[in-house]
Amino acid sequence: MTYPMTVAGLRRDLPICKVTDDLYIGAFIVFGDAELTVACARELLKLVPAEDYDYMLTAEAKSIPLIHEMARQSGAKKYFIARKGPKAYMPDPIHVEDTSITTAGTQRLYLGRDDAELIRGKRILLMDDVISTGGSLHAMEQLVALAGGTVTGRVAVLAEGEAAERSDIKFLEKLPVFHADGTVKD
């Protein structure tokens, strides 16, 4: 089963995937889709003026190509990725815990102390490919606060389910959630 959707002027058929027995989602994946990545980055940049933020931050992993393309199109020299695990190159990393419907269990998001120092006192635009429950978004907000930065905006390609009702997120399209038979949940 798939859900047909037009995003940033491009039509894609999203596979409907089981999350729980009573929750199915349309899987939006930009990995490997250069055309979609470029188009979504262009449209996301239109949602938030560049003068509203100093840096962009996303969580690993699906939105990495998207934030890179946003940086390339906007001329940004630096962006940040909250990693799912500490890396050897991260000096004295800071971290927060995150719960997401697309990742089993609790995960941690890490940022090296060097990146945290760059974020301190800066305005940060959070971006993600899909915002669902807001767990990953909340964790990124906590990470920015821990680093001493200020979140000034939140953008996503898609707002899924109830996230589409949030007034603090700017997004390109709404994505419904589904029943097991592929019909849209109300």
Protein backbone atom coordinates (compact mmCIF):
# COMPACT_ATOMS: atom_id res chain seq x y z
CA MET A 1 0.00 0.00 0.00
CA THR A 2 1.14 3.52 -0.74
CA TYR A 3 -0.13 7.03 -0.14
CA PRO A 4 0.21 9.40 -3.10
CA MET A 5 1.46 12.83 -2.12
CA THR A 6 2.76 15.97 -3.78
CA VAL A 7 5.57 17.68 -1.89
CA ALA A 8 7.47 20.74 -3.14
CA GLY A 9 5.78 20.26 -6.51
CA LEU A 10 6.88 16.62 -6.85
CA ARG A 11 4.60 13.60 -6.60
CA ARG A 12 5.77 10.64 -4.57
CA ASP A 13 4.03 7.44 -3.45
CA LEU A 14 4.82 6.93 0.23
CA PRO A 15 4.84 3.31 1.45
CA ILE A 16 2.42 2.80 4.35
CA CYS A 17 4.33 1.17 7.22
CA LYS A 18 3.21 -0.38 10.49
CA VAL A 19 4.36 1.34 13.69
CA THR A 20 1.96 -0.40 16.09
CA ASP A 21 -1.10 -2.62 15.57
CA ASP A 22 -3.32 0.46 15.34
CA LEU A 23 -0.90 3.02 13.87
CA TYR A 24 0.48 3.07 10.34
CA ILE A 25 2.45 5.91 8.79
CA GLY A 26 3.40 7.05 5.31
CA ALA A 27 7.19 6.64 5.09
CA PHE A 28 8.75 9.82 3.72
CA ILE A 29 12.38 9.18 2.81
CA VAL A 30 14.60 11.77 1.13
CA PHE A 31 17.68 9.48 1.16
CA GLY A 32 18.67 8.79 -2.41
CA ASP A 33 16.09 11.17 -3.92
CA ALA A 34 18.22 14.12 -5.03
CA GLU A 35 15.38 15.80 -6.91
CA LEU A 36 13.10 15.74 -3.85
CA THR A 37 15.91 16.87 -1.51
CA VAL A 38 16.71 19.91 -3.66
CA ALA A 39 13.04 20.88 -4.09
CA CYS A 40 12.17 20.48 -0.38
CA ALA A 41 15.24 22.47 0.72
CA ARG A 42 14.27 25.30 -1.63
CA GLU A 43 10.70 25.41 -0.29
CA LEU A 44 11.73 25.12 3.39
CA LEU A 45 14.09 28.08 3.02
CA LYS A 46 11.12 30.17 1.85
CA LEU A 47 9.34 29.52 5.18
CA VAL A 48 11.91 31.24 7.41
CA PRO A 49 13.91 34.37 6.51
CA ALA A 50 17.68 33.87 6.84
CA GLU A 51 17.90 36.87 9.17
CA ASP A 52 15.78 34.95 11.73
CA TYR A 53 18.56 32.45 12.62
CA ASP A 54 22.33 32.08 12.83
CA TYR A 55 22.60 28.31 12.36
CA MET A 56 20.45 25.30 11.47
CA LEU A 57 20.36 22.05 13.45
CA THR A 58 18.80 18.67 12.74
CA ALA A 59 18.90 15.21 14.28
CA GLU A 60 20.65 12.28 12.66
CA ALA A 61 19.94 10.68 10.17
CA LYS A 62 17.17 10.99 7.56
CA SER A 63 17.26 14.78 7.36
CA ILE A 64 21.04 15.11 6.90
CA PRO A 65 20.89 15.44 3.09
CA LEU A 66 18.09 17.98 3.51
CA ILE A 67 19.95 20.25 5.96
CA HIS A 68 23.06 20.02 3.80
CA GLU A 69 21.09 21.13 0.75
CA MET A 70 19.44 23.94 2.73
CA ALA A 71 22.90 25.15 3.79
CA ARG A 72 24.19 24.92 0.23
CA GLN A 73 21.25 26.84 -1.23
CA SER A 74 21.31 29.52 1.49
CA GLY A 75 25.09 29.97 1.48
CA ALA A 76 25.43 28.85 5.11
CA LYS A 77 28.99 27.82 5.95
CA LYS A 78 28.06 25.70 8.99
CA TYR A 79 25.16 23.62 10.27
CA PHE A 80 24.83 21.17 13.14
CA ILE A 81 23.74 17.55 13.39
CA ALA A 82 22.69 16.05 16.70
CA ARG A 83 24.23 12.58 16.55
CA LYS A 84 22.64 9.42 17.95
CA GLY A 85 25.86 8.37 19.63
CA PRO A 86 29.07 10.00 20.84
CA LYS A 87 31.90 10.01 18.30
CA ALA A 88 35.65 9.93 18.94
CA TYR A 89 36.02 13.36 17.33
CA MET A 90 33.51 14.95 19.74
CA PRO A 91 35.31 16.66 22.60
CA ASP A 92 33.39 16.31 25.89
CA PRO A 93 29.96 15.77 24.25
CA ILE A 94 26.70 16.98 25.77
CA HIS A 95 23.54 14.91 25.33
CA VAL A 96 19.78 14.67 25.93
CA GLU A 97 17.34 11.75 25.67
CA ASP A 98 14.78 11.42 22.89
CA THR A 99 11.77 9.23 22.16
CA SER A 100 10.54 8.99 18.58
CA ILE A 101 7.80 6.85 17.04
CA THR A 102 10.12 5.77 14.22
CA THR A 103 12.97 4.70 16.52
CA ALA A 104 12.46 1.83 18.95
CA GLY A 105 12.95 2.82 22.59
CA THR A 106 14.75 5.82 23.99
CA GLN A 107 17.70 7.27 22.14
CA ARG A 108 20.19 9.96 23.01
CA LEU A 109 21.19 12.94 20.91
CA TYR A 110 24.78 14.18 21.21
CA LEU A 111 26.60 17.36 20.31
CA GLY A 112 30.33 17.92 20.72
CA ARG A 113 31.38 20.62 23.16
CA ASP A 114 33.05 22.49 20.28
CA ASP A 115 29.71 22.71 18.41
CA ALA A 116 27.92 23.59 21.64
CA GLU A 117 30.31 26.52 22.08
CA LEU A 118 29.42 27.79 18.60
CA ILE A 119 25.70 27.52 19.44
CA ARG A 120 26.02 29.45 22.73
CA GLY A 121 24.24 32.79 22.40
CA LYS A 122 23.09 32.06 18.84
CA ARG A 123 19.66 31.78 17.22
CA ILE A 124 18.99 28.26 15.98
CA LEU A 125 16.54 27.02 13.35
CA LEU A 126 15.51 23.42 13.98
CA MET A 127 14.63 21.35 10.95
CA ASP A 128 13.42 17.83 10.37
CA ASP A 129 12.01 15.82 7.54
CA VAL A 130 8.85 14.76 9.41
CA ILE A 131 7.51 15.93 12.75
CA SER A 132 5.11 13.44 14.34
CA THR A 133 4.87 13.32 18.12
CA GLY A 134 7.48 16.07 18.47
CA GLY A 135 9.82 13.89 20.55
CA SER A 136 12.88 14.48 18.38
CA LEU A 137 12.03 18.16 18.06
CA HIS A 138 11.74 18.47 21.84
CA ALA A 139 15.10 16.74 22.30
CA MET A 140 16.74 19.12 19.82
CA GLU A 141 15.21 22.06 21.73
CA GLN A 142 16.70 20.69 24.96
CA LEU A 143 20.09 20.22 23.30
CA VAL A 144 20.11 23.83 22.05
CA ALA A 145 19.14 25.08 25.52
CA LEU A 146 21.86 22.95 27.12
CA ALA A 147 24.37 24.48 24.69
CA GLY A 148 23.17 28.00 25.57
CA GLY A 149 21.45 28.80 22.28
CA THR A 150 17.92 29.97 21.52
CA VAL A 151 15.51 28.18 19.20
CA THR A 152 13.96 30.79 16.91
CA GLY A 153 12.14 28.52 14.47
CA ARG A 154 11.06 25.00 13.62
CA VAL A 155 10.57 23.72 10.07
CA ALA A 156 9.75 20.35 8.57
CA VAL A 157 8.85 18.99 5.20
CA LEU A 158 5.84 17.17 6.67
CA ALA A 159 3.77 17.48 9.83
CA GLU A 160 2.23 14.12 10.60
CA GLY A 161 -1.04 13.59 12.43
CA GLU A 162 -1.61 16.01 15.32
CA ALA A 163 1.70 17.80 14.67
CA ALA A 164 -0.06 19.56 11.77
CA GLU A 165 -2.17 21.43 14.35
CA ARG A 166 0.86 22.94 16.12
CA SER A 167 1.31 26.67 15.60
CA ASP A 168 5.05 26.65 16.40
CA ILE A 169 6.03 24.54 13.37
CA LYS A 170 6.22 25.66 9.75
CA PHE A 171 5.90 22.83 7.26
CA LEU A 172 5.27 22.16 3.59
CA GLU A 173 2.50 19.55 3.77
CA LYS A 174 0.30 17.63 6.19
CA LEU A 175 0.76 13.86 6.34
CA PRO A 176 -2.11 11.83 7.79
CA VAL A 177 -1.72 8.66 9.83
CA PHE A 178 -3.43 5.48 8.71
CA HIS A 179 -5.41 2.42 9.75
CA ALA A 180 -4.08 -1.07 8.96
CA ASP A 181 -6.18 -1.15 5.75
CA GLY A 182 -4.51 2.03 4.46
CA THR A 183 -7.43 4.36 5.08
CA VAL A 184 -6.73 7.72 6.69
CA LYS A 185 -7.40 8.00 10.44
CA ASP A 186 -9.63 10.89 11.45
